[in-house]
Amino acid sequence: MKNALYKGTCSFFFLGYLPSFPGTWGTLGTACAYAAALGAGARPDHLFWGTAGAALAVSALAIPLGHRAREVFGKKDPGQFVLDEVAGYCVSLSFLGSYTVWTGGIAFLGFRLFDIWKPWPVRNVETWKGGWGIVLDDLLAGLLANQVVRVACLLIPHL
């Protein structure tokens, strides 16, 4: 039971076990939660702080859980472990002035691009040991995606 709870948490309700592209499934699950918050009428000021708070809380959980992931899943950066994508996508939405389905979509695409491509410095921190390496590369990918969303909001008024 204890191992099932660990695996369910690390895989973001088992989304990391879906076939092909587990990181994308984890990110999509988080994007659905964001869309649900929008649909429920979440205020922009709540999303401004809530996405940052979620990124911090999930990161604080993912780093120690990531340390154990290698032994549980048998890989250095196991695909089933998608809490790092959850945290990274939340970073891509943090502290924005605009919260719409469009900003969520741009953040999704930008985050997945930077998470897969891993430009400098994203690739460098991926080599850090344990949970730090698993999570920090996604947080940096989220920061880069956040900048893409900001530029898109500047270029496309009322986004």
N, C-alpha and C. Protein backbone atom coordinates (compact mmCIF):
# COMPACT_ATOMS: atom_id res chain seq x y z
N MET A 1 0.83 -1.20 0.00
CA MET A 1 0.00 0.00 0.00
C MET A 1 0.86 1.25 0.00
N LYS A 2 1.90 1.24 0.82
CA LYS A 2 2.79 2.38 0.93
C LYS A 2 3.45 2.69 -0.42
N ASN A 3 3.89 1.63 -1.12
CA ASN A 3 4.52 1.81 -2.43
C ASN A 3 3.51 2.31 -3.47
N ALA A 4 2.27 1.86 -3.39
CA ALA A 4 1.23 2.32 -4.32
C ALA A 4 0.94 3.80 -4.12
N LEU A 5 0.92 4.25 -2.87
CA LEU A 5 0.71 5.66 -2.58
C LEU A 5 1.87 6.50 -3.13
N TYR A 6 3.09 6.01 -2.94
CA TYR A 6 4.27 6.69 -3.47
C TYR A 6 4.18 6.78 -5.00
N LYS A 7 3.91 5.66 -5.65
CA LYS A 7 3.85 5.64 -7.12
C LYS A 7 2.70 6.50 -7.64
N GLY A 8 1.56 6.48 -6.96
CA GLY A 8 0.43 7.31 -7.38
C GLY A 8 0.73 8.79 -7.25
N THR A 9 1.45 9.16 -6.20
CA THR A 9 1.82 10.56 -5.99
C THR A 9 2.85 10.99 -7.02
N CYS A 10 3.90 10.21 -7.17
CA CYS A 10 5.00 10.56 -8.08
C CYS A 10 4.55 10.62 -9.54
N SER A 11 3.56 9.83 -9.87
CA SER A 11 3.08 9.78 -11.25
C SER A 11 1.88 10.70 -11.48
N PHE A 12 1.59 11.56 -10.51
CA PHE A 12 0.46 12.49 -10.56
C PHE A 12 -0.81 11.74 -10.92
N PHE A 13 -1.26 10.94 -9.95
CA PHE A 13 -2.46 10.14 -10.08
C PHE A 13 -2.35 9.13 -11.22
N PHE A 14 -1.15 8.57 -11.38
CA PHE A 14 -0.84 7.51 -12.34
C PHE A 14 -0.81 7.98 -13.80
N LEU A 15 -0.82 9.28 -14.05
CA LEU A 15 -0.70 9.77 -15.43
C LEU A 15 0.66 9.41 -16.03
N GLY A 16 1.68 9.33 -15.20
CA GLY A 16 3.01 8.96 -15.67
C GLY A 16 3.11 7.54 -16.19
N TYR A 17 2.09 6.74 -15.95
CA TYR A 17 2.07 5.36 -16.43
C TYR A 17 1.37 5.22 -17.79
N LEU A 18 0.78 6.29 -18.28
CA LEU A 18 0.12 6.21 -19.59
C LEU A 18 1.17 5.96 -20.67
N PRO A 19 0.79 5.25 -21.72
CA PRO A 19 1.78 4.89 -22.74
C PRO A 19 2.28 6.11 -23.52
N SER A 20 3.55 6.11 -23.79
CA SER A 20 4.21 7.15 -24.60
C SER A 20 4.08 8.54 -23.99
N PHE A 21 5.16 9.23 -23.90
CA PHE A 21 5.23 10.63 -23.47
C PHE A 21 4.65 10.89 -22.08
N PRO A 22 5.14 10.22 -21.04
CA PRO A 22 4.58 10.41 -19.70
C PRO A 22 4.69 11.86 -19.21
N GLY A 23 5.75 12.57 -19.57
CA GLY A 23 5.89 13.96 -19.16
C GLY A 23 4.79 14.83 -19.75
N THR A 24 4.41 14.56 -20.96
CA THR A 24 3.33 15.30 -21.60
C THR A 24 2.01 15.01 -20.90
N TRP A 25 1.78 13.76 -20.52
CA TRP A 25 0.54 13.41 -19.80
C TRP A 25 0.49 14.11 -18.45
N GLY A 26 1.63 14.14 -17.74
CA GLY A 26 1.66 14.84 -16.45
C GLY A 26 1.39 16.32 -16.60
N THR A 27 1.97 16.92 -17.65
CA THR A 27 1.75 18.34 -17.92
C THR A 27 0.31 18.59 -18.32
N LEU A 28 -0.24 17.70 -19.13
CA LEU A 28 -1.63 17.85 -19.56
C LEU A 28 -2.59 17.75 -18.38
N GLY A 29 -2.30 16.86 -17.45
CA GLY A 29 -3.13 16.76 -16.24
C GLY A 29 -3.11 18.06 -15.45
N THR A 30 -1.95 18.68 -15.37
CA THR A 30 -1.83 19.95 -14.66
C THR A 30 -2.54 21.06 -15.44
N ALA A 31 -2.44 21.03 -16.77
CA ALA A 31 -3.14 22.02 -17.60
C ALA A 31 -4.65 21.88 -17.43
N CYS A 32 -5.13 20.66 -17.27
CA CYS A 32 -6.57 20.45 -17.03
C CYS A 32 -6.99 21.04 -15.69
N ALA A 33 -6.14 20.90 -14.68
CA ALA A 33 -6.43 21.51 -13.37
C ALA A 33 -6.48 23.03 -13.49
N TYR A 34 -5.56 23.60 -14.27
CA TYR A 34 -5.55 25.05 -14.53
C TYR A 34 -6.85 25.45 -15.25
N ALA A 35 -7.23 24.70 -16.28
CA ALA A 35 -8.46 25.00 -17.02
C ALA A 35 -9.69 24.87 -16.12
N ALA A 36 -9.68 23.90 -15.23
CA ALA A 36 -10.80 23.74 -14.29
C ALA A 36 -10.88 24.94 -13.35
N ALA A 37 -9.73 25.45 -12.92
CA ALA A 37 -9.72 26.64 -12.06
C ALA A 37 -10.29 27.84 -12.82
N LEU A 38 -9.91 27.97 -14.09
CA LEU A 38 -10.47 29.06 -14.91
C LEU A 38 -11.98 28.89 -15.06
N GLY A 39 -12.40 27.67 -15.36
CA GLY A 39 -13.81 27.39 -15.54
C GLY A 39 -14.64 27.62 -14.27
N ALA A 40 -14.00 27.43 -13.14
CA ALA A 40 -14.69 27.64 -11.86
C ALA A 40 -14.70 29.11 -11.46
N GLY A 41 -14.10 29.96 -12.28
CA GLY A 41 -14.12 31.39 -12.02
C GLY A 41 -13.01 31.89 -11.12
N ALA A 42 -11.88 31.18 -11.08
CA ALA A 42 -10.76 31.64 -10.26
C ALA A 42 -10.34 33.05 -10.67
N ARG A 43 -10.13 33.89 -9.68
CA ARG A 43 -9.74 35.28 -9.94
C ARG A 43 -8.28 35.34 -10.34
N PRO A 44 -7.93 36.30 -11.20
CA PRO A 44 -6.53 36.44 -11.63
C PRO A 44 -5.55 36.58 -10.46
N ASP A 45 -5.94 37.30 -9.41
CA ASP A 45 -4.99 37.45 -8.29
C ASP A 45 -4.79 36.12 -7.57
N HIS A 46 -5.80 35.26 -7.56
CA HIS A 46 -5.63 33.93 -6.97
C HIS A 46 -4.71 33.08 -7.82
N LEU A 47 -4.86 33.16 -9.14
CA LEU A 47 -3.99 32.40 -10.03
C LEU A 47 -2.57 32.95 -10.03
N PHE A 48 -2.43 34.26 -9.88
CA PHE A 48 -1.11 34.90 -9.81
C PHE A 48 -0.29 34.26 -8.70
N TRP A 49 -0.89 34.15 -7.51
CA TRP A 49 -0.19 33.57 -6.36
C TRP A 49 -0.36 32.05 -6.30
N GLY A 50 -1.49 31.54 -6.73
CA GLY A 50 -1.77 30.11 -6.62
C GLY A 50 -0.86 29.25 -7.48
N THR A 51 -0.57 29.69 -8.69
CA THR A 51 0.32 28.91 -9.55
C THR A 51 1.74 28.89 -8.97
N ALA A 52 2.18 30.01 -8.44
CA ALA A 52 3.51 30.06 -7.82
C ALA A 52 3.55 29.21 -6.55
N GLY A 53 2.48 29.29 -5.76
CA GLY A 53 2.40 28.48 -4.55
C GLY A 53 2.37 26.99 -4.87
N ALA A 54 1.64 26.63 -5.92
CA ALA A 54 1.58 25.23 -6.34
C ALA A 54 2.96 24.76 -6.81
N ALA A 55 3.66 25.61 -7.57
CA ALA A 55 5.01 25.25 -8.03
C ALA A 55 5.93 25.01 -6.84
N LEU A 56 5.86 25.87 -5.86
CA LEU A 56 6.70 25.73 -4.66
C LEU A 56 6.33 24.47 -3.87
N ALA A 57 5.05 24.26 -3.65
CA ALA A 57 4.61 23.10 -2.86
C ALA A 57 4.94 21.78 -3.55
N VAL A 58 4.68 21.71 -4.86
CA VAL A 58 4.97 20.48 -5.59
C VAL A 58 6.47 20.23 -5.65
N SER A 59 7.26 21.29 -5.84
CA SER A 59 8.71 21.14 -5.85
C SER A 59 9.22 20.64 -4.50
N ALA A 60 8.67 21.20 -3.43
CA ALA A 60 9.08 20.79 -2.08
C ALA A 60 8.75 19.32 -1.84
N LEU A 61 7.72 18.81 -2.47
CA LEU A 61 7.36 17.40 -2.38
C LEU A 61 8.19 16.56 -3.35
N ALA A 62 8.38 17.05 -4.56
CA ALA A 62 9.02 16.27 -5.62
C ALA A 62 10.51 16.04 -5.37
N ILE A 63 11.21 17.00 -4.80
CA ILE A 63 12.66 16.83 -4.61
C ILE A 63 12.96 15.66 -3.68
N PRO A 64 12.37 15.59 -2.49
CA PRO A 64 12.66 14.41 -1.66
C PRO A 64 12.10 13.11 -2.24
N LEU A 65 10.92 13.17 -2.87
CA LEU A 65 10.38 11.96 -3.49
C LEU A 65 11.24 11.52 -4.66
N GLY A 66 11.83 12.47 -5.35
CA GLY A 66 12.71 12.17 -6.48
C GLY A 66 13.97 11.44 -6.07
N HIS A 67 14.45 11.71 -4.86
CA HIS A 67 15.65 11.02 -4.37
C HIS A 67 15.41 9.50 -4.33
N ARG A 68 14.20 9.11 -4.00
CA ARG A 68 13.87 7.68 -3.87
C ARG A 68 13.44 7.07 -5.21
N ALA A 69 13.13 7.89 -6.19
CA ALA A 69 12.59 7.41 -7.46
C ALA A 69 13.52 6.43 -8.17
N ARG A 70 14.80 6.67 -8.08
CA ARG A 70 15.76 5.80 -8.76
C ARG A 70 15.62 4.35 -8.28
N GLU A 71 15.53 4.15 -6.97
CA GLU A 71 15.43 2.77 -6.46
C GLU A 71 14.04 2.17 -6.70
N VAL A 72 13.00 2.98 -6.64
CA VAL A 72 11.63 2.46 -6.83
C VAL A 72 11.38 2.09 -8.29
N PHE A 73 11.81 2.96 -9.22
CA PHE A 73 11.53 2.74 -10.64
C PHE A 73 12.69 2.12 -11.40
N GLY A 74 13.88 2.10 -10.79
CA GLY A 74 15.04 1.47 -11.42
C GLY A 74 15.70 2.28 -12.52
N LYS A 75 15.51 3.59 -12.53
CA LYS A 75 16.12 4.47 -13.54
C LYS A 75 16.58 5.75 -12.87
N LYS A 76 17.54 6.44 -13.51
CA LYS A 76 18.05 7.70 -12.96
C LYS A 76 16.97 8.78 -12.95
N ASP A 77 16.27 8.94 -14.07
CA ASP A 77 15.18 9.92 -14.18
C ASP A 77 13.98 9.19 -14.79
N PRO A 78 13.25 8.45 -13.97
CA PRO A 78 12.18 7.60 -14.50
C PRO A 78 11.04 8.39 -15.12
N GLY A 79 10.55 7.88 -16.25
CA GLY A 79 9.46 8.54 -16.95
C GLY A 79 8.17 8.61 -16.15
N GLN A 80 7.95 7.62 -15.31
CA GLN A 80 6.71 7.59 -14.52
C GLN A 80 6.65 8.74 -13.52
N PHE A 81 7.80 9.24 -13.12
CA PHE A 81 7.87 10.33 -12.14
C PHE A 81 7.60 11.64 -12.87
N VAL A 82 6.39 12.18 -12.72
CA VAL A 82 6.00 13.38 -13.47
C VAL A 82 5.69 14.58 -12.57
N LEU A 83 5.96 14.47 -11.28
CA LEU A 83 5.76 15.63 -10.40
C LEU A 83 6.63 16.80 -10.83
N ASP A 84 7.78 16.50 -11.42
CA ASP A 84 8.65 17.57 -11.92
C ASP A 84 7.97 18.35 -13.04
N GLU A 85 7.22 17.66 -13.89
CA GLU A 85 6.47 18.36 -14.95
C GLU A 85 5.34 19.19 -14.36
N VAL A 86 4.71 18.68 -13.33
CA VAL A 86 3.64 19.42 -12.67
C VAL A 86 4.20 20.74 -12.13
N ALA A 87 5.32 20.67 -11.43
CA ALA A 87 5.95 21.87 -10.87
C ALA A 87 6.41 22.82 -11.97
N GLY A 88 7.03 22.27 -13.01
CA GLY A 88 7.52 23.11 -14.11
C GLY A 88 6.42 23.84 -14.84
N TYR A 89 5.30 23.15 -15.10
CA TYR A 89 4.19 23.81 -15.76
C TYR A 89 3.61 24.92 -14.88
N CYS A 90 3.54 24.67 -13.59
CA CYS A 90 3.06 25.72 -12.67
C CYS A 90 3.98 26.94 -12.71
N VAL A 91 5.28 26.72 -12.81
CA VAL A 91 6.22 27.84 -12.93
C VAL A 91 5.95 28.62 -14.21
N SER A 92 5.63 27.91 -15.29
CA SER A 92 5.38 28.60 -16.57
C SER A 92 4.18 29.52 -16.50
N LEU A 93 3.28 29.30 -15.53
CA LEU A 93 2.09 30.13 -15.36
C LEU A 93 2.21 31.14 -14.22
N SER A 94 3.32 31.12 -13.51
CA SER A 94 3.45 31.94 -12.31
C SER A 94 3.66 33.42 -12.61
N PHE A 95 3.01 34.24 -11.79
CA PHE A 95 3.21 35.70 -11.79
C PHE A 95 2.93 36.35 -13.14
N LEU A 96 1.94 35.86 -13.85
CA LEU A 96 1.54 36.47 -15.12
C LEU A 96 0.44 37.50 -14.86
N GLY A 97 0.25 38.40 -15.78
CA GLY A 97 -0.83 39.37 -15.66
C GLY A 97 -2.10 38.90 -16.33
N SER A 98 -2.00 37.87 -17.15
CA SER A 98 -3.14 37.37 -17.90
C SER A 98 -3.28 35.87 -17.67
N TYR A 99 -4.49 35.47 -17.33
CA TYR A 99 -4.78 34.05 -17.11
C TYR A 99 -5.98 33.67 -17.95
N THR A 100 -5.71 33.03 -19.09
CA THR A 100 -6.76 32.60 -19.99
C THR A 100 -6.43 31.19 -20.48
N VAL A 101 -7.33 30.61 -21.24
CA VAL A 101 -7.05 29.32 -21.86
C VAL A 101 -5.86 29.47 -22.81
N TRP A 102 -5.78 30.64 -23.48
CA TRP A 102 -4.67 30.87 -24.41
C TRP A 102 -3.32 30.91 -23.70
N THR A 103 -3.25 31.62 -22.59
CA THR A 103 -1.96 31.66 -21.87
C THR A 103 -1.61 30.27 -21.35
N GLY A 104 -2.61 29.51 -20.93
CA GLY A 104 -2.36 28.13 -20.50
C GLY A 104 -1.85 27.26 -21.63
N GLY A 105 -2.39 27.46 -22.81
CA GLY A 105 -1.95 26.69 -23.98
C GLY A 105 -0.54 27.06 -24.42
N ILE A 106 -0.25 28.35 -24.43
CA ILE A 106 1.10 28.80 -24.79
C ILE A 106 2.10 28.29 -23.76
N ALA A 107 1.74 28.35 -22.49
CA ALA A 107 2.61 27.84 -21.43
C ALA A 107 2.84 26.34 -21.61
N PHE A 108 1.79 25.61 -21.96
CA PHE A 108 1.90 24.17 -22.18
C PHE A 108 2.90 23.88 -23.30
N LEU A 109 2.69 24.51 -24.44
CA LEU A 109 3.58 24.26 -25.59
C LEU A 109 5.02 24.70 -25.30
N GLY A 110 5.17 25.88 -24.70
CA GLY A 110 6.50 26.37 -24.37
C GLY A 110 7.21 25.47 -23.38
N PHE A 111 6.48 25.05 -22.34
CA PHE A 111 7.10 24.19 -21.33
C PHE A 111 7.52 22.86 -21.93
N ARG A 112 6.65 22.23 -22.70
CA ARG A 112 7.01 20.93 -23.29
C ARG A 112 8.20 21.09 -24.24
N LEU A 113 8.23 22.18 -25.02
CA LEU A 113 9.35 22.42 -25.93
C LEU A 113 10.66 22.50 -25.15
N PHE A 114 10.71 23.32 -24.12
CA PHE A 114 11.95 23.50 -23.37
C PHE A 114 12.30 22.26 -22.53
N ASP A 115 11.29 21.54 -22.07
CA ASP A 115 11.55 20.33 -21.29
C ASP A 115 12.13 19.23 -22.16
N ILE A 116 11.67 19.13 -23.39
CA ILE A 116 12.18 18.11 -24.31
C ILE A 116 13.51 18.53 -24.92
N TRP A 117 13.60 19.76 -25.38
CA TRP A 117 14.79 20.29 -26.05
C TRP A 117 15.95 20.44 -25.08
N LYS A 118 15.68 20.88 -23.89
CA LYS A 118 16.66 21.10 -22.82
C LYS A 118 17.83 21.98 -23.24
N PRO A 119 17.55 23.24 -23.60
CA PRO A 119 18.66 24.15 -23.92
C PRO A 119 19.45 24.48 -22.66
N TRP A 120 20.62 25.10 -22.84
CA TRP A 120 21.38 25.55 -21.69
C TRP A 120 20.54 26.59 -20.96
N PRO A 121 20.45 26.62 -19.71
CA PRO A 121 21.12 25.82 -18.67
C PRO A 121 20.29 24.62 -18.21
N VAL A 122 19.17 24.36 -18.88
CA VAL A 122 18.28 23.27 -18.46
C VAL A 122 19.03 21.94 -18.43
N ARG A 123 19.78 21.66 -19.49
CA ARG A 123 20.50 20.39 -19.58
C ARG A 123 21.55 20.26 -18.47
N ASN A 124 22.18 21.35 -18.09
CA ASN A 124 23.24 21.30 -17.08
C ASN A 124 22.73 20.86 -15.72
N VAL A 125 21.58 21.35 -15.27
CA VAL A 125 21.10 21.00 -13.94
C VAL A 125 20.48 19.60 -13.91
N GLU A 126 20.17 19.06 -15.06
CA GLU A 126 19.62 17.72 -15.13
C GLU A 126 20.64 16.69 -14.59
N THR A 127 21.91 17.03 -14.62
CA THR A 127 22.95 16.12 -14.16
C THR A 127 23.13 16.12 -12.64
N TRP A 128 22.47 17.04 -11.93
CA TRP A 128 22.58 17.07 -10.47
C TRP A 128 22.02 15.77 -9.91
N LYS A 129 22.47 15.41 -8.74
CA LYS A 129 22.09 14.13 -8.14
C LYS A 129 20.67 14.12 -7.58
N GLY A 130 20.06 12.94 -7.66
CA GLY A 130 18.78 12.67 -7.02
C GLY A 130 17.65 13.57 -7.47
N GLY A 131 16.81 13.90 -6.52
CA GLY A 131 15.62 14.71 -6.79
C GLY A 131 15.93 16.09 -7.32
N TRP A 132 17.08 16.64 -6.94
CA TRP A 132 17.45 17.98 -7.43
C TRP A 132 17.57 17.98 -8.96
N GLY A 133 18.27 17.01 -9.52
CA GLY A 133 18.43 16.95 -10.97
C GLY A 133 17.14 16.64 -11.69
N ILE A 134 16.30 15.82 -11.07
CA ILE A 134 15.02 15.47 -11.68
C ILE A 134 14.10 16.69 -11.76
N VAL A 135 14.10 17.52 -10.72
CA VAL A 135 13.14 18.62 -10.62
C VAL A 135 13.67 19.93 -11.20
N LEU A 136 14.92 20.28 -10.94
CA LEU A 136 15.42 21.61 -11.33
C LEU A 136 15.40 21.86 -12.83
N ASP A 137 15.65 20.84 -13.64
CA ASP A 137 15.61 21.07 -15.09
C ASP A 137 14.21 21.47 -15.53
N ASP A 138 13.19 20.90 -14.90
CA ASP A 138 11.81 21.25 -15.26
C ASP A 138 11.43 22.65 -14.75
N LEU A 139 11.96 23.02 -13.61
CA LEU A 139 11.70 24.38 -13.11
C LEU A 139 12.33 25.41 -14.04
N LEU A 140 13.53 25.14 -14.53
CA LEU A 140 14.16 26.07 -15.48
C LEU A 140 13.41 26.09 -16.81
N ALA A 141 12.96 24.93 -17.27
CA ALA A 141 12.15 24.88 -18.50
C ALA A 141 10.87 25.70 -18.30
N GLY A 142 10.30 25.63 -17.10
CA GLY A 142 9.12 26.44 -16.78
C GLY A 142 9.41 27.92 -16.80
N LEU A 143 10.58 28.32 -16.29
CA LEU A 143 10.97 29.74 -16.33
C LEU A 143 11.10 30.23 -17.76
N LEU A 144 11.71 29.42 -18.62
CA LEU A 144 11.84 29.81 -20.03
C LEU A 144 10.47 29.92 -20.69
N ALA A 145 9.60 28.96 -20.41
CA ALA A 145 8.24 29.00 -20.98
C ALA A 145 7.48 30.21 -20.45
N ASN A 146 7.70 30.57 -19.20
CA ASN A 146 7.06 31.74 -18.61
C ASN A 146 7.44 33.00 -19.41
N GLN A 147 8.68 33.08 -19.82
CA GLN A 147 9.12 34.24 -20.62
C GLN A 147 8.45 34.24 -21.99
N VAL A 148 8.26 33.07 -22.57
CA VAL A 148 7.56 32.96 -23.86
C VAL A 148 6.12 33.46 -23.71
N VAL A 149 5.45 33.09 -22.64
CA VAL A 149 4.07 33.54 -22.40
C VAL A 149 4.05 35.06 -22.25
N ARG A 150 5.00 35.60 -21.53
CA ARG A 150 5.06 37.05 -21.33
C ARG A 150 5.24 37.79 -22.66
N VAL A 151 6.13 37.29 -23.51
CA VAL A 151 6.35 37.92 -24.82
C VAL A 151 5.08 37.81 -25.66
N ALA A 152 4.44 36.63 -25.63
CA ALA A 152 3.20 36.46 -26.39
C ALA A 152 2.13 37.44 -25.91
N CYS A 153 2.04 37.66 -24.61
CA CYS A 153 1.06 38.60 -24.07
C CYS A 153 1.36 40.04 -24.50
N LEU A 154 2.62 40.36 -24.66
CA LEU A 154 3.01 41.70 -25.14
C LEU A 154 2.70 41.87 -26.62
N LEU A 155 2.94 40.82 -27.39
CA LEU A 155 2.74 40.89 -28.83
C LEU A 155 1.28 40.77 -29.25
N ILE A 156 0.50 40.06 -28.45
CA ILE A 156 -0.90 39.82 -28.78
C ILE A 156 -1.75 40.41 -27.66
N PRO A 157 -2.21 41.64 -27.84
CA PRO A 157 -3.02 42.28 -26.79
C PRO A 157 -4.28 41.45 -26.48
N HIS A 158 -4.71 41.53 -25.25
CA HIS A 158 -5.91 40.85 -24.78
C HIS A 158 -5.82 39.34 -24.85
N LEU A 159 -4.61 38.82 -24.75
CA LEU A 159 -4.43 37.38 -24.74
C LEU A 159 -4.79 36.90 -23.40
